[in-house]
Amino acid sequence: MLNTSELALGLNQLAFLDRQQAVRPERLRDYTAVNALLQDNFTFFEYLRTETFFQMYLRTEKPQYLVRMANFLYRKADGSNADFRTLTDAEGATVLLWYVGAKQELAKAFPHYFRPAPAADADGGNAQQNIMDANDAQIRALTGGDVTKEAQVLQMQCWRCFAELNAKARESEELKKLYKK
C-alpha cells in the first residue's frame, strides 16, 4: 500500500502526461516524415487530403484513414508520397497523435483559421459532404472564386495558404464585430 507522500511523488513523475506534445518520428519504416508543422514540402492539396482522412477517421475510427494520412505525411527517398498498405496499432496511434499535435501548434500560429468548428448536428449530417464543402470554401477563399487559379493554389505550400486563410478569417471576424455594433 502506498502512503500519501509516495502517491504524490508518483503522480508528480507522471505530470508530463498532462502536457500532450506531438511527437513526430523522423522515419516510419523506410519513409521520411514531412516537416513537423507541414511547412516547406507539404502542399495545400496534401493538407486538404490529410485533413479529410483525419476527419473521416474521427467519424468512423477506421484504420484505413490513418494509413491514407501516413501516405501524405511520409515520403519515399525520391520525395514522392509513401505507400503504406497497413499500419500497426502503434504506427497508427503515432500518426494520429503527431497530426493532432501539429494541428495544436498550427492553431497557435494561425489562431483565426485553426479554431474549433461549430458543433455538428446530432446525426452528424452527411460527413463526407460537409468535409467537401469545407474544402471547397477554403479553395474559393484562396482563389477568389477564380477556378483558373485552383490548380496553382492546390500546389502552393500549405503554410502560405494558412497565413492567407488566417488573415481572411481575422478580417471576417473584425467585420462581424463592426456590423454587430
C-alpha atoms as a PDB file:
ATOM      1  CA  MET A   1       0.000   0.000   0.000  1.00  0.00           C
ATOM      2  CA  LEU A   2       1.286   3.483  -0.908  1.00  0.00           C
ATOM      3  CA  ASN A   3       1.223   6.278   1.607  1.00  0.00           C
ATOM      4  CA  THR A   4       0.145   9.802   0.636  1.00  0.00           C
ATOM      5  CA  SER A   5       3.648  11.160   0.047  1.00  0.00           C
ATOM      6  CA  GLU A   6       4.618   8.180  -2.150  1.00  0.00           C
ATOM      7  CA  LEU A   7       1.445   8.601  -4.180  1.00  0.00           C
ATOM      8  CA  ALA A   8       2.077  12.347  -4.560  1.00  0.00           C
ATOM      9  CA  LEU A   9       5.648  11.681  -5.693  1.00  0.00           C
ATOM     10  CA  GLY A  10       4.423   9.107  -8.217  1.00  0.00           C
ATOM     11  CA  LEU A  11       1.803  11.481  -9.585  1.00  0.00           C
ATOM     12  CA  ASN A  12       4.385  14.242  -9.862  1.00  0.00           C
ATOM     13  CA  GLN A  13       6.538  11.950 -12.003  1.00  0.00           C
ATOM     14  CA  LEU A  14       3.583  11.451 -14.380  1.00  0.00           C
ATOM     15  CA  ALA A  15       2.748  15.172 -14.687  1.00  0.00           C
ATOM     16  CA  PHE A  16       4.215  15.214 -18.205  1.00  0.00           C
ATOM     17  CA  LEU A  17       1.144  13.278 -19.377  1.00  0.00           C
ATOM     18  CA  ASP A  18      -0.936  16.455 -18.967  1.00  0.00           C
ATOM     19  CA  ARG A  19       1.283  18.282 -21.418  1.00  0.00           C
ATOM     20  CA  GLN A  20       0.447  16.484 -24.638  1.00  0.00           C
ATOM     21  CA  GLN A  21       3.095  17.145 -27.230  1.00  0.00           C
ATOM     22  CA  ALA A  22       3.226  15.953 -30.783  1.00  0.00           C
ATOM     23  CA  VAL A  23       5.998  13.504 -31.371  1.00  0.00           C
ATOM     24  CA  ARG A  24       6.917  13.152 -34.997  1.00  0.00           C
ATOM     25  CA  PRO A  25       9.120  10.189 -35.767  1.00  0.00           C
ATOM     26  CA  GLU A  26      11.569  11.298 -38.444  1.00  0.00           C
ATOM     27  CA  ARG A  27      11.246   7.867 -40.004  1.00  0.00           C
ATOM     28  CA  LEU A  28       8.468   5.330 -40.151  1.00  0.00           C
ATOM     29  CA  ARG A  29       9.681   2.111 -41.710  1.00  0.00           C
ATOM     30  CA  ASP A  30      11.599   3.190 -44.821  1.00  0.00           C
ATOM     31  CA  TYR A  31       9.886   6.562 -45.163  1.00  0.00           C
ATOM     32  CA  THR A  32      10.899  10.047 -44.015  1.00  0.00           C
ATOM     33  CA  ALA A  33       8.437  12.427 -42.376  1.00  0.00           C
ATOM     34  CA  VAL A  34       7.468  15.742 -43.898  1.00  0.00           C
ATOM     35  CA  ASN A  35       8.157  18.899 -41.900  1.00  0.00           C
ATOM     36  CA  ALA A  36       6.698  18.700 -38.396  1.00  0.00           C
ATOM     37  CA  LEU A  37       4.435  21.723 -38.954  1.00  0.00           C
ATOM     38  CA  LEU A  38       3.634  20.898 -42.572  1.00  0.00           C
ATOM     39  CA  GLN A  39       5.996  23.544 -43.915  1.00  0.00           C
ATOM     40  CA  ASP A  40       8.284  23.544 -46.928  1.00  0.00           C
ATOM     41  CA  ASN A  41       7.488  20.190 -48.517  1.00  0.00           C
ATOM     42  CA  PHE A  42       3.740  19.968 -47.996  1.00  0.00           C
ATOM     43  CA  THR A  43       1.226  21.417 -50.456  1.00  0.00           C
ATOM     44  CA  PHE A  44      -2.226  22.738 -49.740  1.00  0.00           C
ATOM     45  CA  PHE A  45      -3.656  19.796 -51.698  1.00  0.00           C
ATOM     46  CA  GLU A  46      -1.791  17.385 -49.429  1.00  0.00           C
ATOM     47  CA  TYR A  47      -3.092  19.214 -46.381  1.00  0.00           C
ATOM     48  CA  LEU A  48      -6.695  19.065 -47.622  1.00  0.00           C
ATOM     49  CA  ARG A  49      -6.384  15.338 -48.315  1.00  0.00           C
ATOM     50  CA  THR A  50      -4.743  14.633 -44.959  1.00  0.00           C
ATOM     51  CA  GLU A  51      -7.353  16.683 -43.136  1.00  0.00           C
ATOM     52  CA  THR A  52     -10.153  14.871 -44.985  1.00  0.00           C
ATOM     53  CA  PHE A  53      -8.757  11.490 -43.935  1.00  0.00           C
ATOM     54  CA  PHE A  54      -8.294  12.770 -40.377  1.00  0.00           C
ATOM     55  CA  GLN A  55     -11.927  13.890 -40.198  1.00  0.00           C
ATOM     56  CA  MET A  56     -13.095  10.584 -41.680  1.00  0.00           C
ATOM     57  CA  TYR A  57     -11.024   8.681 -39.114  1.00  0.00           C
ATOM     58  CA  LEU A  58     -12.569  10.723 -36.288  1.00  0.00           C
ATOM     59  CA  ARG A  59     -16.051   9.910 -37.580  1.00  0.00           C
ATOM     60  CA  THR A  60     -15.515   6.215 -38.332  1.00  0.00           C
ATOM     61  CA  GLU A  61     -12.380   5.099 -36.418  1.00  0.00           C
ATOM     62  CA  LYS A  62     -11.474   3.002 -39.464  1.00  0.00           C
ATOM     63  CA  PRO A  63      -7.691   2.491 -39.589  1.00  0.00           C
ATOM     64  CA  GLN A  64      -7.683   2.795 -43.387  1.00  0.00           C
ATOM     65  CA  TYR A  65      -7.909   6.573 -42.939  1.00  0.00           C
ATOM     66  CA  LEU A  66      -4.791   6.622 -40.742  1.00  0.00           C
ATOM     67  CA  VAL A  67      -2.984   4.694 -43.489  1.00  0.00           C
ATOM     68  CA  ARG A  68      -4.039   7.321 -46.023  1.00  0.00           C
ATOM     69  CA  MET A  69      -2.876  10.095 -43.702  1.00  0.00           C
ATOM     70  CA  ALA A  70       0.501   8.390 -43.286  1.00  0.00           C
ATOM     71  CA  ASN A  71       0.914   8.223 -47.052  1.00  0.00           C
ATOM     72  CA  PHE A  72       0.797  12.027 -47.185  1.00  0.00           C
ATOM     73  CA  LEU A  73       2.798  12.635 -44.012  1.00  0.00           C
ATOM     74  CA  TYR A  74       5.731  10.434 -45.043  1.00  0.00           C
ATOM     75  CA  ARG A  75       7.859  10.382 -48.184  1.00  0.00           C
ATOM     76  CA  LYS A  76       9.900   7.913 -50.163  1.00  0.00           C
ATOM     77  CA  ALA A  77      13.577   8.677 -50.815  1.00  0.00           C
ATOM     78  CA  ASP A  78      12.638  10.282 -54.165  1.00  0.00           C
ATOM     79  CA  GLY A  79      10.241  12.694 -52.408  1.00  0.00           C
ATOM     80  CA  SER A  80       7.032  11.030 -53.554  1.00  0.00           C
ATOM     81  CA  ASN A  81       4.342  10.009 -51.084  1.00  0.00           C
ATOM     82  CA  ALA A  82       4.795   6.861 -49.026  1.00  0.00           C
ATOM     83  CA  ASP A  83       2.812   3.787 -49.980  1.00  0.00           C
ATOM     84  CA  PHE A  84       1.772   2.207 -46.706  1.00  0.00           C
ATOM     85  CA  ARG A  85      -0.821  -0.505 -47.164  1.00  0.00           C
ATOM     86  CA  THR A  86      -1.383  -1.077 -43.430  1.00  0.00           C
ATOM     87  CA  LEU A  87      -0.122   0.328 -40.153  1.00  0.00           C
ATOM     88  CA  THR A  88       0.418  -1.394 -36.859  1.00  0.00           C
ATOM     89  CA  ASP A  89      -1.697  -0.067 -33.995  1.00  0.00           C
ATOM     90  CA  ALA A  90       1.365   1.746 -32.645  1.00  0.00           C
ATOM     91  CA  GLU A  91       2.143   3.314 -36.032  1.00  0.00           C
ATOM     92  CA  GLY A  92      -1.480   4.400 -36.437  1.00  0.00           C
ATOM     93  CA  ALA A  93      -1.517   5.959 -32.969  1.00  0.00           C
ATOM     94  CA  THR A  94       1.764   7.718 -33.729  1.00  0.00           C
ATOM     95  CA  VAL A  95       0.427   9.213 -36.967  1.00  0.00           C
ATOM     96  CA  LEU A  96      -2.763  10.314 -35.238  1.00  0.00           C
ATOM     97  CA  LEU A  97      -1.005  11.889 -32.247  1.00  0.00           C
ATOM     98  CA  TRP A  98       1.544  13.650 -34.444  1.00  0.00           C
ATOM     99  CA  TYR A  99      -1.169  15.157 -36.628  1.00  0.00           C
ATOM    100  CA  VAL A 100      -3.287  16.234 -33.645  1.00  0.00           C
ATOM    101  CA  GLY A 101      -0.230  17.822 -32.054  1.00  0.00           C
ATOM    102  CA  ALA A 102       0.716  19.538 -35.300  1.00  0.00           C
ATOM    103  CA  LYS A 103      -2.793  20.979 -35.543  1.00  0.00           C
ATOM    104  CA  GLN A 104      -2.487  22.287 -31.976  1.00  0.00           C
ATOM    105  CA  GLU A 105       0.749  24.049 -32.896  1.00  0.00           C
ATOM    106  CA  LEU A 106      -0.780  25.393 -36.092  1.00  0.00           C
ATOM    107  CA  ALA A 107      -3.682  26.762 -34.035  1.00  0.00           C
ATOM    108  CA  LYS A 108      -1.155  28.807 -32.072  1.00  0.00           C
ATOM    109  CA  ALA A 109       0.443  30.127 -35.254  1.00  0.00           C
ATOM    110  CA  PHE A 110      -2.871  30.745 -37.080  1.00  0.00           C
ATOM    111  CA  PRO A 111      -5.496  31.258 -34.349  1.00  0.00           C
ATOM    112  CA  HIS A 112      -8.199  32.703 -36.600  1.00  0.00           C
ATOM    113  CA  TYR A 113      -8.010  29.900 -39.152  1.00  0.00           C
ATOM    114  CA  PHE A 114      -7.475  26.926 -36.842  1.00  0.00           C
ATOM    115  CA  ARG A 115     -10.259  27.368 -34.354  1.00  0.00           C
ATOM    116  CA  PRO A 116     -12.847  24.881 -33.158  1.00  0.00           C
ATOM    117  CA  ALA A 117     -15.622  24.214 -35.637  1.00  0.00           C
ATOM    118  CA  PRO A 118     -19.224  24.748 -34.585  1.00  0.00           C
ATOM    119  CA  ALA A 119     -20.904  21.704 -33.105  1.00  0.00           C
ATOM    120  CA  ALA A 120     -22.266  19.293 -35.708  1.00  0.00           C
ATOM    121  CA  ASP A 121     -25.879  18.251 -35.985  1.00  0.00           C
ATOM    122  CA  ALA A 122     -26.936  15.419 -33.693  1.00  0.00           C
ATOM    123  CA  ASP A 123     -26.912  12.982 -36.605  1.00  0.00           C
ATOM    124  CA  GLY A 124     -23.669  14.453 -37.966  1.00  0.00           C
ATOM    125  CA  GLY A 125     -25.285  15.168 -41.318  1.00  0.00           C
ATOM    126  CA  ASN A 126     -23.532  13.864 -44.369  1.00  0.00           C
ATOM    127  CA  ALA A 127     -19.977  13.913 -43.025  1.00  0.00           C
ATOM    128  CA  GLN A 128     -18.275  13.455 -46.374  1.00  0.00           C
ATOM    129  CA  GLN A 129     -20.342  16.231 -47.951  1.00  0.00           C
ATOM    130  CA  ASN A 130     -19.579  18.546 -45.026  1.00  0.00           C
ATOM    131  CA  ILE A 131     -15.850  17.915 -45.464  1.00  0.00           C
ATOM    132  CA  MET A 132     -16.059  18.524 -49.216  1.00  0.00           C
ATOM    133  CA  ASP A 133     -17.981  21.761 -48.628  1.00  0.00           C
ATOM    134  CA  ALA A 134     -15.332  22.934 -46.144  1.00  0.00           C
ATOM    135  CA  ASN A 135     -12.539  22.117 -48.602  1.00  0.00           C
ATOM    136  CA  ASP A 136     -14.356  23.948 -51.400  1.00  0.00           C
ATOM    137  CA  ALA A 137     -14.850  27.005 -49.174  1.00  0.00           C
ATOM    138  CA  GLN A 138     -11.129  27.142 -48.388  1.00  0.00           C
ATOM    139  CA  ILE A 139     -10.189  26.821 -52.051  1.00  0.00           C
ATOM    140  CA  ARG A 140     -12.727  29.510 -53.019  1.00  0.00           C
ATOM    141  CA  ALA A 141     -11.319  31.831 -50.356  1.00  0.00           C
ATOM    142  CA  LEU A 142      -7.814  31.423 -51.779  1.00  0.00           C
ATOM    143  CA  THR A 143      -8.775  31.692 -55.454  1.00  0.00           C
ATOM    144  CA  GLY A 144     -11.304  34.472 -55.022  1.00  0.00           C
ATOM    145  CA  GLY A 145     -13.713  32.214 -56.902  1.00  0.00           C
ATOM    146  CA  ASP A 146     -11.492  32.089 -59.995  1.00  0.00           C
ATOM    147  CA  VAL A 147     -11.428  28.410 -60.953  1.00  0.00           C
ATOM    148  CA  THR A 148      -8.475  29.017 -63.285  1.00  0.00           C
ATOM    149  CA  LYS A 149      -6.329  29.599 -60.157  1.00  0.00           C
ATOM    150  CA  GLU A 150      -7.359  26.397 -58.380  1.00  0.00           C
ATOM    151  CA  ALA A 151      -4.521  24.160 -59.594  1.00  0.00           C
ATOM    152  CA  GLN A 152      -1.955  26.804 -58.653  1.00  0.00           C
ATOM    153  CA  VAL A 153      -3.446  27.216 -55.154  1.00  0.00           C
ATOM    154  CA  LEU A 154      -3.531  23.468 -54.539  1.00  0.00           C
ATOM    155  CA  GLN A 155       0.192  23.204 -55.354  1.00  0.00           C
ATOM    156  CA  MET A 156       1.193  26.075 -53.060  1.00  0.00           C
ATOM    157  CA  GLN A 157       2.975  25.353 -49.807  1.00  0.00           C
ATOM    158  CA  CYS A 158       0.228  24.987 -47.235  1.00  0.00           C
ATOM    159  CA  TRP A 159       1.941  27.251 -44.670  1.00  0.00           C
ATOM    160  CA  ARG A 160       1.478  30.197 -47.048  1.00  0.00           C
ATOM    161  CA  CYS A 161      -2.156  29.214 -47.589  1.00  0.00           C
ATOM    162  CA  PHE A 162      -2.677  29.011 -43.815  1.00  0.00           C
ATOM    163  CA  ALA A 163      -1.319  32.556 -43.453  1.00  0.00           C
ATOM    164  CA  GLU A 164      -3.728  33.885 -46.078  1.00  0.00           C
ATOM    165  CA  LEU A 165      -6.719  31.976 -44.703  1.00  0.00           C
ATOM    166  CA  ASN A 166      -5.854  33.173 -41.196  1.00  0.00           C
ATOM    167  CA  ALA A 167      -5.799  36.789 -42.421  1.00  0.00           C
ATOM    168  CA  LYS A 168      -9.138  36.335 -44.196  1.00  0.00           C
ATOM    169  CA  ALA A 169     -10.695  34.771 -41.079  1.00  0.00           C
ATOM    170  CA  ARG A 170      -9.383  37.623 -38.917  1.00  0.00           C
ATOM    171  CA  GLU A 171     -10.808  40.200 -41.339  1.00  0.00           C
ATOM    172  CA  SER A 172     -14.143  38.391 -41.333  1.00  0.00           C
ATOM    173  CA  GLU A 173     -14.225  38.412 -37.521  1.00  0.00           C
ATOM    174  CA  GLU A 174     -13.441  42.140 -37.492  1.00  0.00           C
ATOM    175  CA  LEU A 175     -16.234  42.845 -39.979  1.00  0.00           C
ATOM    176  CA  LYS A 176     -18.714  40.834 -37.913  1.00  0.00           C
ATOM    177  CA  LYS A 177     -17.794  42.835 -34.811  1.00  0.00           C
ATOM    178  CA  LEU A 178     -18.126  46.070 -36.743  1.00  0.00           C
ATOM    179  CA  TYR A 179     -21.600  45.221 -38.023  1.00  0.00           C
ATOM    180  CA  LYS A 180     -22.833  43.997 -34.632  1.00  0.00           C
ATOM    181  CA  LYS A 181     -22.442  47.491 -33.185  1.00  0.00           C
END
